N, C-alpha and C. Protein backbone atom coordinates (compact mmCIF):
# COMPACT_ATOMS: atom_id res chain seq x y z
N MET A 1 1.35 -17.39 5.01
CA MET A 1 1.02 -15.93 5.02
C MET A 1 2.35 -15.18 5.56
N LEU A 2 2.74 -14.16 4.90
CA LEU A 2 3.64 -13.26 5.26
C LEU A 2 3.37 -12.23 6.37
N HIS A 3 4.26 -11.94 7.45
CA HIS A 3 3.90 -11.29 8.71
C HIS A 3 5.15 -10.22 8.79
N PRO A 4 4.98 -8.98 9.25
CA PRO A 4 5.76 -7.98 9.39
C PRO A 4 6.76 -8.70 10.41
N LEU A 5 8.26 -8.55 10.30
CA LEU A 5 9.25 -8.77 10.94
C LEU A 5 10.14 -7.92 11.35
N LEU A 6 10.54 -7.81 12.69
CA LEU A 6 11.31 -6.59 13.24
C LEU A 6 12.63 -7.25 13.76
N VAL A 7 13.90 -7.26 13.21
CA VAL A 7 15.03 -7.85 14.21
C VAL A 7 16.00 -6.87 14.43
N ARG A 8 16.25 -6.86 15.57
CA ARG A 8 17.50 -5.88 16.31
C ARG A 8 18.65 -6.71 16.37
N VAL A 9 19.81 -6.10 15.98
CA VAL A 9 21.04 -6.77 16.06
C VAL A 9 22.04 -6.00 16.92
N GLU A 10 22.93 -6.48 17.65
CA GLU A 10 23.75 -5.79 18.39
C GLU A 10 25.08 -5.17 17.53
N HIS A 11 25.64 -4.46 17.99
CA HIS A 11 26.76 -3.77 17.28
C HIS A 11 27.84 -4.75 17.07
N ASP A 12 27.91 -6.01 17.72
CA ASP A 12 28.91 -7.13 17.16
C ASP A 12 28.32 -8.09 16.45
N GLY A 13 26.81 -7.85 15.75
CA GLY A 13 26.18 -8.58 15.04
C GLY A 13 25.33 -9.80 15.53
N SER A 14 25.49 -9.85 17.04
CA SER A 14 24.55 -11.05 17.61
C SER A 14 23.17 -10.25 17.50
N LEU A 15 22.31 -11.47 17.41
CA LEU A 15 20.92 -11.32 17.62
C LEU A 15 20.12 -10.62 18.86
N ALA A 16 19.77 -9.50 19.25
CA ALA A 16 19.24 -8.89 20.14
C ALA A 16 17.63 -9.29 20.52
N THR A 17 16.78 -9.01 19.49
CA THR A 17 15.47 -9.32 19.64
C THR A 17 14.85 -9.78 18.35
N THR A 18 13.85 -10.42 18.15
CA THR A 18 12.92 -10.61 16.84
C THR A 18 11.58 -10.65 17.37
N GLN A 19 10.76 -9.72 16.60
CA GLN A 19 9.28 -9.32 16.95
C GLN A 19 8.72 -9.70 15.62
N ILE A 20 7.63 -10.51 15.67
CA ILE A 20 6.65 -10.87 14.52
C ILE A 20 5.27 -10.55 14.76
N ASP A 21 4.74 -9.68 13.81
CA ASP A 21 3.28 -9.38 14.02
C ASP A 21 2.72 -10.21 13.52
N GLU A 22 2.26 -11.20 14.31
CA GLU A 22 1.44 -12.36 13.80
C GLU A 22 -0.24 -12.02 13.63
N ALA A 23 -0.53 -10.73 14.06
CA ALA A 23 -1.96 -10.43 14.01
C ALA A 23 -2.26 -9.72 12.48
N HIS A 24 -1.34 -9.56 11.71
CA HIS A 24 -1.40 -8.98 10.39
C HIS A 24 -0.42 -9.70 9.45
N ALA A 25 -1.23 -9.48 8.16
CA ALA A 25 -0.27 -10.04 6.89
C ALA A 25 0.38 -8.73 6.56
N GLY A 26 1.65 -8.73 6.02
CA GLY A 26 2.26 -7.63 5.56
C GLY A 26 3.76 -7.86 5.75
N ALA A 27 4.47 -6.81 5.57
CA ALA A 27 5.92 -6.56 5.67
C ALA A 27 6.46 -5.21 5.83
N TRP A 28 7.70 -5.20 6.57
CA TRP A 28 8.43 -3.89 6.63
C TRP A 28 9.23 -3.70 5.66
N SER A 29 9.60 -2.40 5.04
CA SER A 29 10.55 -2.19 3.88
C SER A 29 11.63 -1.33 4.36
N ASP A 30 11.27 -0.24 5.36
CA ASP A 30 12.30 0.57 5.72
C ASP A 30 12.35 0.74 7.33
N VAL A 31 13.52 1.13 7.66
CA VAL A 31 13.52 1.43 9.27
C VAL A 31 14.58 2.54 9.39
N THR A 32 14.28 3.59 10.14
CA THR A 32 15.26 4.65 10.59
C THR A 32 15.08 5.10 11.98
N PRO A 33 16.33 5.44 12.69
CA PRO A 33 16.23 5.70 13.97
C PRO A 33 15.38 7.18 14.32
N ILE A 34 14.87 7.35 15.48
CA ILE A 34 14.11 8.41 15.91
C ILE A 34 14.16 8.51 17.49
N GLY A 35 14.02 9.76 18.08
CA GLY A 35 13.82 9.94 19.51
C GLY A 35 15.06 9.54 20.17
N SER A 36 14.82 9.04 21.32
CA SER A 36 15.45 8.44 22.33
C SER A 36 16.49 7.16 21.68
N GLU A 37 17.44 6.68 22.29
CA GLU A 37 18.33 5.75 22.08
C GLU A 37 17.59 4.30 21.73
N GLY A 38 17.52 3.81 20.62
CA GLY A 38 16.89 2.31 20.37
C GLY A 38 15.64 2.62 19.72
N GLU A 39 14.75 3.73 19.62
CA GLU A 39 13.52 4.19 19.12
C GLU A 39 13.96 3.83 17.74
N VAL A 40 12.62 3.41 16.75
CA VAL A 40 12.86 3.35 15.32
C VAL A 40 11.62 3.67 14.78
N LEU A 41 11.61 4.04 13.65
CA LEU A 41 10.30 4.06 12.76
C LEU A 41 10.53 2.95 11.80
N VAL A 42 9.34 2.39 11.49
CA VAL A 42 9.22 1.31 10.40
C VAL A 42 8.18 1.80 9.28
N THR A 43 8.37 1.39 8.34
CA THR A 43 7.32 1.54 7.29
C THR A 43 7.28 0.32 6.34
N GLY A 44 6.00 0.20 5.88
CA GLY A 44 5.81 -1.15 4.81
C GLY A 44 4.28 -1.00 4.64
N ARG A 45 3.87 -2.36 4.70
CA ARG A 45 2.47 -2.58 4.33
C ARG A 45 1.97 -3.55 5.42
N ILE A 46 0.48 -3.24 5.51
CA ILE A 46 -0.32 -4.12 6.58
C ILE A 46 -1.62 -4.31 5.88
N GLU A 47 -2.23 -5.59 6.15
CA GLU A 47 -3.38 -5.98 5.90
C GLU A 47 -4.50 -5.80 7.29
N PRO A 48 -4.97 -4.85 7.42
CA PRO A 48 -5.77 -4.49 8.72
C PRO A 48 -6.93 -5.56 8.99
N VAL A 49 -7.60 -5.84 7.61
CA VAL A 49 -8.46 -7.02 7.84
C VAL A 49 -8.22 -7.78 6.79
N PRO A 50 -8.23 -9.19 7.09
CA PRO A 50 -7.81 -10.08 5.98
C PRO A 50 -8.62 -10.11 4.99
N GLY A 51 -7.93 -10.14 3.67
CA GLY A 51 -8.60 -10.11 2.47
C GLY A 51 -9.24 -8.56 2.03
N ALA A 52 -8.86 -7.72 2.64
CA ALA A 52 -9.18 -6.29 2.15
C ALA A 52 -8.25 -5.38 1.47
N GLY A 53 -6.99 -5.97 1.26
CA GLY A 53 -5.91 -5.44 0.83
C GLY A 53 -4.86 -4.91 1.63
N PHE A 54 -3.87 -4.30 1.27
CA PHE A 54 -2.85 -3.61 2.16
C PHE A 54 -2.97 -2.18 2.02
N ASP A 55 -2.52 -1.60 3.42
CA ASP A 55 -2.28 -0.13 3.51
C ASP A 55 -0.94 0.13 3.78
N VAL A 56 -0.60 1.43 3.51
CA VAL A 56 0.56 2.02 4.03
C VAL A 56 0.57 1.98 5.52
N ALA A 57 1.59 1.37 6.08
CA ALA A 57 1.96 1.34 7.76
C ALA A 57 3.19 1.86 8.23
N VAL A 58 3.09 2.88 9.02
CA VAL A 58 3.93 3.46 9.83
C VAL A 58 3.90 3.18 11.31
N ARG A 59 4.93 2.69 11.93
CA ARG A 59 5.16 2.54 13.28
C ARG A 59 6.22 2.98 14.01
N ARG A 60 6.11 3.46 15.12
CA ARG A 60 7.24 4.11 16.26
C ARG A 60 7.30 3.01 17.13
N ILE A 61 8.50 2.75 17.22
CA ILE A 61 8.69 1.43 18.28
C ILE A 61 9.61 1.86 19.06
N SER A 62 9.71 1.68 20.53
CA SER A 62 10.55 1.97 21.51
C SER A 62 11.56 1.12 21.58
N GLY A 63 12.81 1.39 22.26
CA GLY A 63 13.99 0.66 22.32
C GLY A 63 13.70 -0.64 22.97
N ARG A 64 12.50 -1.03 23.64
CA ARG A 64 12.20 -2.15 24.30
C ARG A 64 11.10 -2.88 23.38
N ASP A 65 11.19 -2.42 21.97
CA ASP A 65 10.18 -3.19 21.08
C ASP A 65 8.81 -3.09 21.43
N GLU A 66 8.35 -2.13 21.93
CA GLU A 66 6.98 -1.59 22.39
C GLU A 66 6.35 -0.69 21.50
N PRO A 67 5.09 -0.77 20.94
CA PRO A 67 4.79 0.01 19.90
C PRO A 67 4.47 1.52 20.65
N ARG A 68 4.93 2.79 20.09
CA ARG A 68 4.47 4.16 20.79
C ARG A 68 3.48 4.39 20.08
N TRP A 69 3.32 4.26 18.60
CA TRP A 69 2.22 4.71 18.01
C TRP A 69 2.20 3.96 16.68
N ALA A 70 0.90 3.75 15.80
CA ALA A 70 0.81 3.12 14.57
C ALA A 70 0.04 3.84 13.75
N GLN A 71 0.31 3.81 12.54
CA GLN A 71 -0.69 4.60 11.48
C GLN A 71 -0.68 3.75 10.34
N THR A 72 -1.78 3.53 9.94
CA THR A 72 -2.29 3.00 8.56
C THR A 72 -2.89 4.11 7.66
N ILE A 73 -2.42 4.19 6.50
CA ILE A 73 -3.02 4.97 5.55
C ILE A 73 -3.59 4.27 4.43
N ASP A 74 -4.99 4.20 4.37
CA ASP A 74 -5.80 3.52 3.42
C ASP A 74 -6.00 4.49 2.28
N HIS A 75 -5.37 4.23 0.94
CA HIS A 75 -5.67 5.26 -0.24
C HIS A 75 -7.16 4.52 -0.80
N VAL A 76 -6.88 3.33 -1.51
CA VAL A 76 -7.78 2.69 -2.17
C VAL A 76 -7.48 1.22 -1.92
N ALA A 77 -8.41 0.33 -1.57
CA ALA A 77 -8.06 -1.01 -1.18
C ALA A 77 -7.04 -1.65 -2.28
N GLY A 78 -5.97 -2.08 -1.94
CA GLY A 78 -5.26 -2.86 -3.04
C GLY A 78 -3.86 -3.00 -2.37
N PHE A 79 -2.59 -2.85 -3.10
CA PHE A 79 -1.57 -3.31 -2.59
C PHE A 79 -0.83 -2.05 -2.43
N ASP A 80 -1.23 -1.42 -1.41
CA ASP A 80 -0.40 -0.05 -0.91
C ASP A 80 0.47 -0.33 -0.13
N GLY A 81 1.67 0.42 0.06
CA GLY A 81 2.83 -0.03 1.10
C GLY A 81 3.87 1.19 1.13
N GLY A 82 4.34 1.43 2.15
CA GLY A 82 5.62 2.37 2.40
C GLY A 82 6.72 1.78 2.04
N ARG A 83 7.76 2.31 1.34
CA ARG A 83 8.79 1.96 0.91
C ARG A 83 10.26 2.50 1.54
N GLY A 84 10.04 3.94 2.15
CA GLY A 84 10.99 4.62 2.56
C GLY A 84 10.60 5.35 3.51
N VAL A 85 11.20 5.54 4.72
CA VAL A 85 11.03 6.50 5.62
C VAL A 85 12.15 7.49 5.97
N ALA A 86 11.84 8.83 6.56
CA ALA A 86 13.03 9.60 6.93
C ALA A 86 12.43 10.21 8.05
N VAL A 87 13.22 10.89 8.97
CA VAL A 87 12.81 11.73 10.10
C VAL A 87 13.59 13.14 9.94
N GLY A 88 12.88 14.11 10.18
CA GLY A 88 13.26 15.62 10.19
C GLY A 88 13.18 16.43 11.38
N ALA A 89 13.35 17.43 11.44
CA ALA A 89 13.30 18.53 12.36
C ALA A 89 11.80 18.06 13.27
N ASN A 90 12.19 18.29 14.50
CA ASN A 90 10.90 18.07 15.46
C ASN A 90 10.30 16.73 15.38
N GLU A 91 11.11 15.87 14.84
CA GLU A 91 10.57 14.24 14.66
C GLU A 91 9.53 14.22 13.82
N ALA A 92 9.59 15.21 12.62
CA ALA A 92 8.62 15.00 11.73
C ALA A 92 9.00 13.79 10.92
N VAL A 93 8.05 13.16 10.34
CA VAL A 93 8.08 11.78 9.73
C VAL A 93 7.60 11.99 8.28
N PHE A 94 8.43 11.38 7.25
CA PHE A 94 8.09 11.42 5.71
C PHE A 94 8.28 9.97 5.30
N VAL A 95 7.23 9.53 4.58
CA VAL A 95 7.09 8.33 3.97
C VAL A 95 6.99 8.32 2.52
N ALA A 96 7.72 7.44 1.97
CA ALA A 96 7.59 7.25 0.52
C ALA A 96 6.94 5.80 0.18
N GLY A 97 6.13 5.78 -0.91
CA GLY A 97 5.65 4.49 -1.21
C GLY A 97 4.83 4.50 -2.33
N ALA A 98 3.96 3.43 -2.39
CA ALA A 98 3.18 3.41 -3.77
C ALA A 98 1.58 2.95 -3.27
N VAL A 99 0.72 3.62 -3.92
CA VAL A 99 -0.68 3.37 -3.62
C VAL A 99 -1.28 2.79 -4.75
N THR A 100 -2.75 2.12 -4.76
CA THR A 100 -3.26 1.50 -5.70
C THR A 100 -4.35 2.88 -5.99
N SER A 101 -4.44 2.85 -7.33
CA SER A 101 -5.55 4.18 -7.89
C SER A 101 -6.77 3.20 -7.95
N VAL A 102 -7.79 3.97 -8.42
CA VAL A 102 -9.09 3.38 -8.72
C VAL A 102 -8.97 2.33 -9.97
N SER A 103 -8.15 2.55 -10.95
CA SER A 103 -7.79 2.00 -12.06
C SER A 103 -7.09 0.75 -11.58
N GLY A 104 -6.56 0.53 -10.80
CA GLY A 104 -5.85 -0.75 -10.34
C GLY A 104 -4.18 -0.54 -10.38
N ASP A 105 -4.06 0.92 -10.94
CA ASP A 105 -2.73 1.02 -11.30
C ASP A 105 -1.76 1.45 -9.96
N LEU A 106 -0.36 1.22 -9.67
CA LEU A 106 0.17 1.77 -8.61
C LEU A 106 0.66 3.11 -9.08
N GLU A 107 0.55 3.95 -7.96
CA GLU A 107 0.94 5.19 -8.12
C GLU A 107 1.93 5.81 -6.98
N ILE A 108 2.86 6.79 -7.38
CA ILE A 108 3.80 7.48 -6.12
C ILE A 108 2.95 7.80 -5.42
N PHE A 109 3.52 7.77 -4.02
CA PHE A 109 2.63 8.26 -2.79
C PHE A 109 3.83 8.95 -1.70
N GLY A 110 3.44 9.89 -1.16
CA GLY A 110 4.10 10.59 -0.02
C GLY A 110 3.30 10.88 1.08
N ALA A 111 3.42 10.87 2.17
CA ALA A 111 3.07 11.21 3.58
C ALA A 111 3.87 11.86 4.65
N LEU A 112 3.32 12.97 5.06
CA LEU A 112 3.99 13.78 6.31
C LEU A 112 3.21 13.73 7.28
N LEU A 113 3.86 13.10 8.62
CA LEU A 113 3.17 12.83 9.73
C LEU A 113 3.97 13.62 10.92
N SER A 114 3.45 13.71 12.11
CA SER A 114 4.22 14.45 13.14
C SER A 114 4.93 13.28 13.89
N GLY A 115 5.86 13.76 14.79
CA GLY A 115 6.59 12.56 15.64
C GLY A 115 5.56 12.15 16.45
N LEU A 116 4.36 12.38 16.70
CA LEU A 116 3.40 11.71 17.61
C LEU A 116 2.35 10.87 16.57
N GLY A 117 2.63 10.72 15.28
CA GLY A 117 2.01 9.75 14.43
C GLY A 117 0.90 10.28 13.56
N GLU A 118 0.53 11.85 13.79
CA GLU A 118 -0.53 12.32 13.15
C GLU A 118 -0.26 12.82 11.75
N LEU A 119 -1.18 12.41 11.20
CA LEU A 119 -1.10 12.48 9.55
C LEU A 119 -1.28 14.05 9.31
N ARG A 120 -0.36 14.69 8.68
CA ARG A 120 -0.27 16.22 8.13
C ARG A 120 -0.93 16.21 6.72
N TRP A 121 -0.36 15.68 5.80
CA TRP A 121 -0.70 15.60 4.49
C TRP A 121 -0.10 14.44 3.63
N THR A 122 -1.07 14.13 2.46
CA THR A 122 -0.51 12.86 1.58
C THR A 122 -0.38 13.60 0.52
N HIS A 123 0.20 12.90 -0.62
CA HIS A 123 0.39 13.34 -2.01
C HIS A 123 0.40 11.88 -2.89
N VAL A 124 -0.34 12.03 -3.83
CA VAL A 124 -0.25 10.94 -4.99
C VAL A 124 0.02 11.46 -6.36
N ASN A 125 0.87 10.87 -6.92
CA ASN A 125 1.34 11.34 -8.35
C ASN A 125 0.57 10.27 -9.23
N ALA A 126 -0.39 10.56 -9.79
CA ALA A 126 -1.15 9.58 -10.81
C ALA A 126 -0.79 9.66 -12.24
N ASN A 127 -0.09 8.88 -12.68
CA ASN A 127 0.15 8.52 -14.14
C ASN A 127 -1.28 8.01 -14.76
N ARG A 128 -2.22 8.93 -14.83
CA ARG A 128 -3.69 8.43 -15.13
C ARG A 128 -3.49 7.94 -16.43
N GLY A 129 -4.43 6.96 -16.75
CA GLY A 129 -4.54 6.45 -17.98
C GLY A 129 -3.58 5.68 -18.82
N VAL A 130 -2.27 5.52 -18.19
CA VAL A 130 -1.23 4.77 -18.69
C VAL A 130 -1.43 3.43 -18.51
N GLY A 131 -1.79 2.98 -17.06
CA GLY A 131 -1.94 1.69 -17.11
C GLY A 131 -0.56 0.91 -16.67
N LEU A 132 0.41 1.75 -16.06
CA LEU A 132 1.67 1.24 -15.45
C LEU A 132 1.78 1.44 -14.06
N GLU A 133 2.78 0.85 -13.79
CA GLU A 133 3.10 1.03 -12.10
C GLU A 133 4.25 1.98 -11.78
N ASP A 134 3.85 2.90 -11.17
CA ASP A 134 4.83 3.72 -10.31
C ASP A 134 5.04 3.77 -9.12
N HIS A 135 6.32 3.82 -8.43
CA HIS A 135 6.56 3.62 -7.18
C HIS A 135 7.44 4.95 -6.44
N GLY A 136 7.08 5.25 -5.33
CA GLY A 136 7.80 6.03 -4.64
C GLY A 136 8.96 5.21 -3.84
N ALA A 137 10.06 5.36 -3.74
CA ALA A 137 10.78 4.66 -2.72
C ALA A 137 11.65 5.15 -1.98
N ALA A 138 11.89 6.81 -1.94
CA ALA A 138 12.99 7.28 -1.16
C ALA A 138 12.30 8.57 -0.61
N ALA A 139 12.51 8.81 0.74
CA ALA A 139 11.96 9.90 1.46
C ALA A 139 13.02 10.66 2.10
N ALA A 140 13.13 12.02 2.01
CA ALA A 140 14.50 12.63 2.59
C ALA A 140 13.87 13.82 3.05
N PHE A 141 14.60 14.48 4.30
CA PHE A 141 14.37 15.92 4.71
C PHE A 141 15.49 16.91 4.38
N GLY A 142 15.18 17.98 4.17
CA GLY A 142 16.08 19.19 3.86
C GLY A 142 15.68 20.20 4.73
N PRO A 143 16.45 21.40 4.69
CA PRO A 143 15.94 22.45 5.78
C PRO A 143 14.56 23.15 5.17
N GLY A 144 13.51 22.61 5.90
CA GLY A 144 12.16 23.29 5.32
C GLY A 144 11.43 22.64 4.45
N PHE A 145 12.05 21.48 3.76
CA PHE A 145 11.37 20.77 2.71
C PHE A 145 11.68 19.21 2.91
N VAL A 146 10.89 18.51 2.09
CA VAL A 146 11.06 17.05 1.90
C VAL A 146 11.17 16.66 0.55
N VAL A 147 11.74 15.39 0.35
CA VAL A 147 12.05 14.86 -1.14
C VAL A 147 11.49 13.73 -1.19
N LEU A 148 10.54 13.55 -2.04
CA LEU A 148 10.17 12.22 -2.42
C LEU A 148 10.52 11.70 -3.89
N ALA A 149 11.27 10.66 -4.10
CA ALA A 149 11.96 10.07 -5.10
C ALA A 149 11.46 8.67 -5.56
N GLY A 150 11.38 8.23 -6.70
CA GLY A 150 10.88 7.05 -7.24
C GLY A 150 11.09 6.70 -8.59
N ASP A 151 10.09 6.02 -9.28
CA ASP A 151 10.12 5.73 -10.68
C ASP A 151 8.82 5.90 -11.24
N GLU A 152 8.81 6.30 -12.27
CA GLU A 152 7.39 6.58 -12.95
C GLU A 152 7.56 5.62 -14.44
N GLN A 153 6.42 4.91 -14.81
CA GLN A 153 6.47 4.42 -15.82
C GLN A 153 6.20 5.06 -17.10
N VAL A 154 6.92 5.06 -18.15
CA VAL A 154 6.35 6.03 -19.41
C VAL A 154 6.76 4.89 -20.53
N PRO A 155 5.49 5.11 -21.40
CA PRO A 155 5.27 4.23 -22.44
C PRO A 155 6.71 4.36 -23.46
N GLY A 156 7.43 3.33 -23.95
CA GLY A 156 8.32 3.44 -24.80
C GLY A 156 9.61 3.81 -24.27
N GLN A 157 9.71 4.21 -23.03
CA GLN A 157 10.94 4.52 -22.23
C GLN A 157 11.26 3.71 -21.10
N GLY A 158 10.24 3.06 -20.37
CA GLY A 158 10.50 2.11 -19.16
C GLY A 158 10.46 2.98 -18.11
N ALA A 159 11.27 2.89 -16.98
CA ALA A 159 11.14 3.50 -15.84
C ALA A 159 11.78 4.82 -15.69
N ASN A 160 11.37 6.01 -15.60
CA ASN A 160 12.14 7.20 -15.55
C ASN A 160 12.36 7.58 -14.05
N VAL A 161 13.42 8.02 -13.68
CA VAL A 161 13.52 8.57 -12.20
C VAL A 161 12.55 9.68 -12.14
N TRP A 162 12.03 9.69 -10.84
CA TRP A 162 10.92 11.06 -10.43
C TRP A 162 11.26 11.64 -9.17
N VAL A 163 11.63 12.77 -9.26
CA VAL A 163 11.87 13.40 -7.91
C VAL A 163 11.14 14.50 -7.85
N ARG A 164 10.57 14.97 -6.55
CA ARG A 164 9.95 16.01 -6.38
C ARG A 164 10.10 16.53 -4.90
N ARG A 165 10.15 17.91 -4.72
CA ARG A 165 10.49 18.46 -3.54
C ARG A 165 9.10 19.17 -2.98
N PHE A 166 8.84 19.06 -1.77
CA PHE A 166 7.69 19.51 -1.15
C PHE A 166 8.12 20.48 0.04
N ARG A 167 7.28 21.36 0.41
CA ARG A 167 7.32 22.16 1.72
C ARG A 167 7.13 21.53 2.83
N ALA A 168 7.80 21.25 3.81
CA ALA A 168 7.64 20.31 5.12
C ALA A 168 6.89 21.18 5.82
N GLU A 169 5.50 21.49 5.65
CA GLU A 169 4.73 21.92 6.65
C GLU A 169 3.44 21.13 6.74
């Protein structure tokens, strides 16, 4: 079984700490600094209940590898996961990823959270009825907005780049 792994490395490349979440199946996909020195945000996928499918997961971890907060976002039981994370003004958090639709397709997903881990809003771009997998991969902040980017499967074209801008409210 795959478990989320967090490894901290010193500036000289030496291993500082290793943390494995043995309580959950899953994996981390992206990390970015937040807050005070050493604090990080990680995103990926967690299976909160064995056999129930994966959810988008976001955790804020202190410089001493202690969780400050954790948020899992269950869209539809399946293979949901965060793939990119960014931090903006006032420590707002934006996550890009993919979630499973009712039909079983993967769809582009975005979520805005506060620096305290409170979920503000989510967005799912469903390429309905096509039966292909779409993925949100990158999250970014601009002044007053967030950007969600990924790829959208289009019949006869393969994967097209997908970029959307949202107000960061």
